[in-house]
């Protein structure tokens, strides 16, 4: 549902999960194969968890933050965790990078650059 000012879109949990399932179908249809999923916390955790279960792939988590409560929807300095959390092993192979939104692309580019070393 779009707010009265037309600036925000609110979705229910059911709609949110339906959109994640739709994303999973698009990923599958693309034919792109991956070995692991890396979700960016916090926003990418729910989509990452669902995709990990759908594709039966290991899930890793990296904490990132560039939005602060005091600045609302304005992106600020990007902070990235030093370590990636995984149940075992290390991040390797082809990785599906998952976040809840990609507006400027700054976070995704920074994470990809860091992963490539």
N, C-alpha and C. Protein backbone atom coordinates (compact mmCIF):
# COMPACT_ATOMS: atom_id res chain seq x y z
N UNK A 1 0.85 -1.16 0.00
CA UNK A 1 0.00 0.00 0.00
C UNK A 1 0.91 1.24 0.00
N UNK A 2 0.63 2.16 -0.91
CA UNK A 2 1.39 3.40 -1.00
C UNK A 2 0.83 4.39 0.02
N UNK A 3 1.72 5.10 0.70
CA UNK A 3 1.28 6.10 1.67
C UNK A 3 0.66 7.29 0.95
N UNK A 4 -0.05 8.13 1.72
CA UNK A 4 -0.72 9.29 1.13
C UNK A 4 0.23 10.23 0.41
N UNK A 5 1.46 10.34 0.93
CA UNK A 5 2.42 11.25 0.28
C UNK A 5 3.09 10.61 -0.94
N UNK A 6 2.80 9.32 -1.17
CA UNK A 6 3.35 8.63 -2.33
C UNK A 6 4.83 8.30 -2.24
N UNK A 7 5.41 8.45 -1.05
CA UNK A 7 6.86 8.25 -0.88
C UNK A 7 7.24 6.90 -0.30
N UNK A 8 6.30 6.21 0.29
CA UNK A 8 6.61 4.94 0.95
C UNK A 8 5.62 3.87 0.53
N UNK A 9 6.14 2.67 0.40
CA UNK A 9 5.31 1.52 0.05
C UNK A 9 5.35 0.54 1.21
N UNK A 10 4.21 0.23 1.75
CA UNK A 10 4.13 -0.73 2.84
C UNK A 10 3.57 -2.05 2.30
N UNK A 11 4.20 -3.15 2.69
CA UNK A 11 3.73 -4.47 2.28
C UNK A 11 3.51 -5.31 3.54
N UNK A 12 2.55 -6.20 3.47
CA UNK A 12 2.29 -7.11 4.59
C UNK A 12 3.35 -8.21 4.58
N UNK A 13 3.43 -8.97 5.66
CA UNK A 13 4.37 -10.10 5.70
C UNK A 13 4.04 -11.11 4.61
N UNK A 14 2.75 -11.34 4.38
CA UNK A 14 2.36 -12.27 3.32
C UNK A 14 2.84 -11.79 1.96
N UNK A 15 2.66 -10.49 1.69
CA UNK A 15 3.13 -9.93 0.42
C UNK A 15 4.65 -10.02 0.31
N UNK A 16 5.33 -9.74 1.42
CA UNK A 16 6.80 -9.78 1.47
C UNK A 16 7.30 -11.18 1.11
N UNK A 17 6.71 -12.19 1.72
CA UNK A 17 7.12 -13.57 1.45
C UNK A 17 6.77 -13.99 0.02
N UNK A 18 5.63 -13.52 -0.49
CA UNK A 18 5.27 -13.82 -1.87
C UNK A 18 6.30 -13.21 -2.83
N UNK A 19 6.78 -12.00 -2.52
CA UNK A 19 7.79 -11.36 -3.37
C UNK A 19 9.12 -12.11 -3.31
N UNK A 20 9.47 -12.62 -2.14
CA UNK A 20 10.70 -13.42 -2.02
C UNK A 20 10.56 -14.71 -2.84
N UNK A 21 9.39 -15.34 -2.76
CA UNK A 21 9.15 -16.56 -3.54
C UNK A 21 9.21 -16.26 -5.04
N UNK A 22 8.68 -15.12 -5.45
CA UNK A 22 8.75 -14.71 -6.85
C UNK A 22 10.20 -14.50 -7.28
N UNK A 23 10.99 -13.91 -6.39
CA UNK A 23 12.42 -13.73 -6.66
C UNK A 23 13.10 -15.08 -6.83
N UNK A 24 12.76 -16.04 -5.98
CA UNK A 24 13.34 -17.38 -6.08
C UNK A 24 13.03 -18.00 -7.44
N UNK A 25 11.82 -17.82 -7.92
CA UNK A 25 11.45 -18.34 -9.24
C UNK A 25 12.28 -17.70 -10.35
N UNK A 26 12.51 -16.38 -10.23
CA UNK A 26 13.33 -15.68 -11.23
C UNK A 26 14.78 -16.15 -11.20
N UNK A 27 15.30 -16.35 -10.00
CA UNK A 27 16.68 -16.85 -9.86
C UNK A 27 16.78 -18.23 -10.51
N UNK A 28 15.82 -19.09 -10.20
CA UNK A 28 15.83 -20.44 -10.77
C UNK A 28 15.73 -20.39 -12.30
N UNK A 29 14.84 -19.56 -12.80
CA UNK A 29 14.64 -19.46 -14.25
C UNK A 29 15.88 -18.90 -14.96
N UNK A 30 16.70 -18.14 -14.24
CA UNK A 30 17.89 -17.56 -14.86
C UNK A 30 18.93 -18.62 -15.21
N UNK A 31 18.86 -19.76 -14.50
CA UNK A 31 19.82 -20.83 -14.74
C UNK A 31 21.17 -20.59 -14.08
N UNK A 32 21.32 -19.46 -13.38
CA UNK A 32 22.59 -19.16 -12.72
C UNK A 32 22.74 -20.07 -11.51
N UNK A 33 23.86 -20.75 -11.42
CA UNK A 33 24.10 -21.67 -10.31
C UNK A 33 25.06 -21.05 -9.32
N UNK A 34 24.80 -21.30 -8.05
CA UNK A 34 25.63 -20.75 -6.99
C UNK A 34 25.83 -21.80 -5.91
N UNK A 35 26.89 -21.61 -5.13
CA UNK A 35 27.25 -22.58 -4.10
C UNK A 35 26.79 -22.16 -2.71
N UNK A 36 26.74 -20.85 -2.47
CA UNK A 36 26.39 -20.33 -1.16
C UNK A 36 25.61 -19.04 -1.32
N UNK A 37 24.96 -18.64 -0.23
CA UNK A 37 24.24 -17.37 -0.19
C UNK A 37 24.87 -16.52 0.91
N UNK A 38 25.17 -15.27 0.58
CA UNK A 38 25.65 -14.30 1.56
C UNK A 38 24.59 -13.21 1.67
N UNK A 39 23.96 -13.13 2.84
CA UNK A 39 22.96 -12.08 3.03
C UNK A 39 23.57 -10.94 3.84
N UNK A 40 23.13 -9.74 3.53
CA UNK A 40 23.61 -8.56 4.23
C UNK A 40 22.61 -8.21 5.32
N UNK A 41 23.09 -8.21 6.56
CA UNK A 41 22.24 -7.92 7.70
C UNK A 41 22.12 -6.41 7.85
N UNK A 42 20.98 -5.97 8.16
CA UNK A 42 19.85 -6.72 8.66
C UNK A 42 18.82 -7.01 7.58
N UNK A 43 18.66 -6.12 6.64
CA UNK A 43 17.57 -6.25 5.67
C UNK A 43 17.59 -7.50 4.82
N UNK A 44 18.76 -8.02 4.51
CA UNK A 44 18.85 -9.18 3.64
C UNK A 44 18.69 -10.51 4.35
N UNK A 45 18.52 -10.47 5.68
CA UNK A 45 18.47 -11.73 6.43
C UNK A 45 17.23 -12.56 6.10
N UNK A 46 16.06 -11.95 6.05
CA UNK A 46 14.85 -12.73 5.77
C UNK A 46 14.86 -13.28 4.35
N UNK A 47 15.12 -12.43 3.32
CA UNK A 47 15.19 -13.01 1.98
C UNK A 47 16.29 -14.06 1.87
N UNK A 48 17.43 -13.81 2.50
CA UNK A 48 18.53 -14.77 2.45
C UNK A 48 18.15 -16.10 3.07
N UNK A 49 17.46 -16.05 4.21
CA UNK A 49 17.03 -17.27 4.89
C UNK A 49 16.06 -18.06 4.01
N UNK A 50 15.08 -17.39 3.45
CA UNK A 50 14.10 -18.08 2.60
C UNK A 50 14.79 -18.68 1.38
N UNK A 51 15.65 -17.91 0.71
CA UNK A 51 16.35 -18.42 -0.48
C UNK A 51 17.27 -19.59 -0.13
N UNK A 52 17.89 -19.53 1.04
CA UNK A 52 18.75 -20.62 1.49
C UNK A 52 17.95 -21.91 1.64
N UNK A 53 16.76 -21.81 2.16
CA UNK A 53 15.90 -22.98 2.34
C UNK A 53 15.36 -23.48 1.00
N UNK A 54 14.93 -22.56 0.14
CA UNK A 54 14.38 -22.94 -1.16
C UNK A 54 15.42 -23.66 -2.01
N UNK A 55 16.65 -23.11 -2.04
CA UNK A 55 17.70 -23.68 -2.89
C UNK A 55 18.60 -24.68 -2.15
N UNK A 56 18.34 -24.87 -0.85
CA UNK A 56 19.13 -25.79 -0.03
C UNK A 56 20.63 -25.49 -0.15
N UNK A 57 20.97 -24.22 0.09
CA UNK A 57 22.36 -23.76 0.03
C UNK A 57 22.74 -23.17 1.38
N UNK A 58 24.03 -23.28 1.74
CA UNK A 58 24.48 -22.70 3.00
C UNK A 58 24.30 -21.18 3.01
N UNK A 59 23.98 -20.66 4.19
CA UNK A 59 23.75 -19.23 4.36
C UNK A 59 24.85 -18.61 5.21
N UNK A 60 25.44 -17.55 4.71
CA UNK A 60 26.42 -16.76 5.46
C UNK A 60 25.82 -15.37 5.67
N UNK A 61 26.28 -14.70 6.72
CA UNK A 61 25.74 -13.38 7.07
C UNK A 61 26.88 -12.39 7.24
N UNK A 62 26.72 -11.22 6.64
CA UNK A 62 27.67 -10.12 6.82
C UNK A 62 26.87 -8.90 7.26
N UNK A 63 27.27 -8.31 8.35
CA UNK A 63 26.58 -7.13 8.85
C UNK A 63 27.10 -5.89 8.14
N UNK A 64 26.17 -5.11 7.60
CA UNK A 64 26.50 -3.84 6.96
C UNK A 64 25.48 -2.81 7.41
N UNK A 65 25.87 -1.56 7.38
CA UNK A 65 24.95 -0.50 7.77
C UNK A 65 25.37 0.82 7.13
N UNK A 66 24.39 1.48 6.52
CA UNK A 66 24.67 2.82 6.00
C UNK A 66 23.49 3.76 6.25
N UNK A 67 22.42 3.23 6.81
CA UNK A 67 21.27 4.06 7.13
C UNK A 67 21.18 4.20 8.65
N UNK A 68 21.03 5.40 9.12
CA UNK A 68 20.96 5.68 10.55
C UNK A 68 19.57 6.22 10.89
N UNK A 69 19.13 5.94 12.10
CA UNK A 69 17.80 6.39 12.52
C UNK A 69 17.65 7.90 12.38
N UNK A 70 18.71 8.63 12.72
CA UNK A 70 18.61 10.09 12.69
C UNK A 70 18.54 10.66 11.27
N UNK A 71 18.98 9.90 10.27
CA UNK A 71 18.96 10.42 8.90
C UNK A 71 17.84 9.81 8.06
N UNK A 72 17.08 8.90 8.64
CA UNK A 72 15.94 8.33 7.92
C UNK A 72 16.35 7.52 6.71
N UNK A 73 15.91 7.95 5.53
CA UNK A 73 16.18 7.20 4.31
C UNK A 73 17.37 7.74 3.53
N UNK A 74 18.16 8.59 4.15
CA UNK A 74 19.35 9.13 3.49
C UNK A 74 20.54 8.25 3.83
N UNK A 75 21.22 7.76 2.79
CA UNK A 75 22.35 6.87 3.01
C UNK A 75 23.55 7.65 3.52
N UNK A 76 24.19 7.10 4.54
CA UNK A 76 25.38 7.73 5.12
C UNK A 76 26.61 6.88 4.90
N UNK A 77 27.56 6.96 5.83
CA UNK A 77 28.80 6.20 5.74
C UNK A 77 28.50 4.70 5.85
N UNK A 78 29.16 3.93 5.02
CA UNK A 78 28.97 2.48 5.03
C UNK A 78 29.89 1.83 6.05
N UNK A 79 29.31 1.06 6.95
CA UNK A 79 30.07 0.26 7.90
C UNK A 79 29.89 -1.20 7.53
N UNK A 80 31.00 -1.96 7.47
CA UNK A 80 30.94 -3.39 7.18
C UNK A 80 31.63 -4.15 8.30
N UNK A 81 31.03 -5.25 8.71
CA UNK A 81 31.63 -6.09 9.74
C UNK A 81 32.97 -6.64 9.24
N UNK A 82 33.85 -6.88 10.17
CA UNK A 82 35.17 -7.43 9.83
C UNK A 82 35.06 -8.88 9.38
N UNK A 83 34.12 -9.61 9.98
CA UNK A 83 34.00 -11.05 9.71
C UNK A 83 32.65 -11.40 9.11
N UNK A 84 32.63 -12.51 8.40
CA UNK A 84 31.40 -13.08 7.86
C UNK A 84 31.04 -14.27 8.75
N UNK A 85 29.79 -14.35 9.18
CA UNK A 85 29.33 -15.43 10.04
C UNK A 85 28.82 -16.59 9.19
N UNK A 86 29.37 -17.77 9.48
CA UNK A 86 28.97 -18.98 8.77
C UNK A 86 28.95 -20.15 9.75
N UNK A 87 28.07 -21.14 9.51
CA UNK A 87 28.04 -22.28 10.42
C UNK A 87 29.29 -23.14 10.35
N UNK A 88 29.91 -23.23 9.17
CA UNK A 88 31.16 -23.99 9.04
C UNK A 88 31.85 -23.60 7.74
N UNK A 89 33.13 -23.87 7.68
CA UNK A 89 33.89 -23.59 6.47
C UNK A 89 34.10 -22.11 6.23
N UNK A 90 34.35 -21.80 4.97
CA UNK A 90 34.55 -20.41 4.59
C UNK A 90 33.80 -20.13 3.30
N UNK A 91 33.60 -18.86 3.03
CA UNK A 91 32.90 -18.45 1.83
C UNK A 91 33.75 -18.78 0.61
N UNK A 92 33.21 -19.57 -0.30
CA UNK A 92 33.96 -19.98 -1.48
C UNK A 92 33.00 -20.31 -2.61
N UNK A 93 33.53 -20.39 -3.80
CA UNK A 93 32.71 -20.74 -4.95
C UNK A 93 31.88 -19.56 -5.41
N UNK A 94 30.79 -19.87 -6.07
CA UNK A 94 29.89 -18.84 -6.58
C UNK A 94 28.91 -18.45 -5.49
N UNK A 95 28.83 -17.16 -5.21
CA UNK A 95 28.05 -16.65 -4.08
C UNK A 95 26.90 -15.77 -4.58
N UNK A 96 25.70 -16.08 -4.10
CA UNK A 96 24.54 -15.22 -4.36
C UNK A 96 24.49 -14.20 -3.24
N UNK A 97 24.64 -12.94 -3.56
CA UNK A 97 24.63 -11.85 -2.59
C UNK A 97 23.21 -11.31 -2.48
N UNK A 98 22.67 -11.27 -1.24
CA UNK A 98 21.27 -10.90 -1.04
C UNK A 98 21.15 -9.74 -0.06
N UNK A 99 20.39 -8.73 -0.45
CA UNK A 99 20.04 -7.63 0.43
C UNK A 99 18.58 -7.29 0.17
N UNK A 100 17.99 -6.47 1.02
CA UNK A 100 16.57 -6.16 0.85
C UNK A 100 16.32 -5.05 -0.15
N UNK A 101 17.31 -4.20 -0.40
CA UNK A 101 17.14 -3.15 -1.38
C UNK A 101 18.48 -2.78 -1.98
N UNK A 102 18.43 -2.22 -3.17
CA UNK A 102 19.65 -1.75 -3.83
C UNK A 102 19.29 -0.43 -4.51
N UNK A 103 19.55 0.66 -3.81
CA UNK A 103 19.20 1.95 -4.41
C UNK A 103 20.40 2.56 -5.13
N UNK A 104 21.42 2.93 -4.41
CA UNK A 104 22.60 3.54 -5.04
C UNK A 104 23.59 2.49 -5.54
N UNK A 105 23.51 1.27 -4.99
CA UNK A 105 24.46 0.22 -5.35
C UNK A 105 25.77 0.30 -4.60
N UNK A 106 25.93 1.30 -3.75
CA UNK A 106 27.19 1.50 -3.02
C UNK A 106 27.52 0.30 -2.13
N UNK A 107 26.54 -0.17 -1.36
CA UNK A 107 26.79 -1.29 -0.46
C UNK A 107 27.17 -2.54 -1.24
N UNK A 108 26.40 -2.87 -2.27
CA UNK A 108 26.69 -4.07 -3.05
C UNK A 108 28.07 -4.00 -3.69
N UNK A 109 28.43 -2.85 -4.26
CA UNK A 109 29.76 -2.71 -4.87
C UNK A 109 30.86 -2.87 -3.82
N UNK A 110 30.67 -2.26 -2.66
CA UNK A 110 31.69 -2.35 -1.60
C UNK A 110 31.87 -3.78 -1.12
N UNK A 111 30.77 -4.51 -0.95
CA UNK A 111 30.85 -5.90 -0.49
C UNK A 111 31.53 -6.76 -1.56
N UNK A 112 31.15 -6.59 -2.81
CA UNK A 112 31.78 -7.36 -3.90
C UNK A 112 33.28 -7.06 -3.95
N UNK A 113 33.65 -5.79 -3.85
CA UNK A 113 35.08 -5.43 -3.85
C UNK A 113 35.82 -6.10 -2.70
N UNK A 114 35.19 -6.11 -1.53
CA UNK A 114 35.83 -6.73 -0.37
C UNK A 114 35.96 -8.24 -0.56
N UNK A 115 34.95 -8.88 -1.10
CA UNK A 115 35.00 -10.33 -1.32
C UNK A 115 36.07 -10.70 -2.34
N UNK A 116 36.24 -9.86 -3.32
CA UNK A 116 37.26 -10.13 -4.34
C UNK A 116 38.66 -9.85 -3.84
N UNK A 117 38.74 -9.13 -2.71
CA UNK A 117 40.00 -8.89 -2.04
C UNK A 117 40.86 -7.87 -2.68
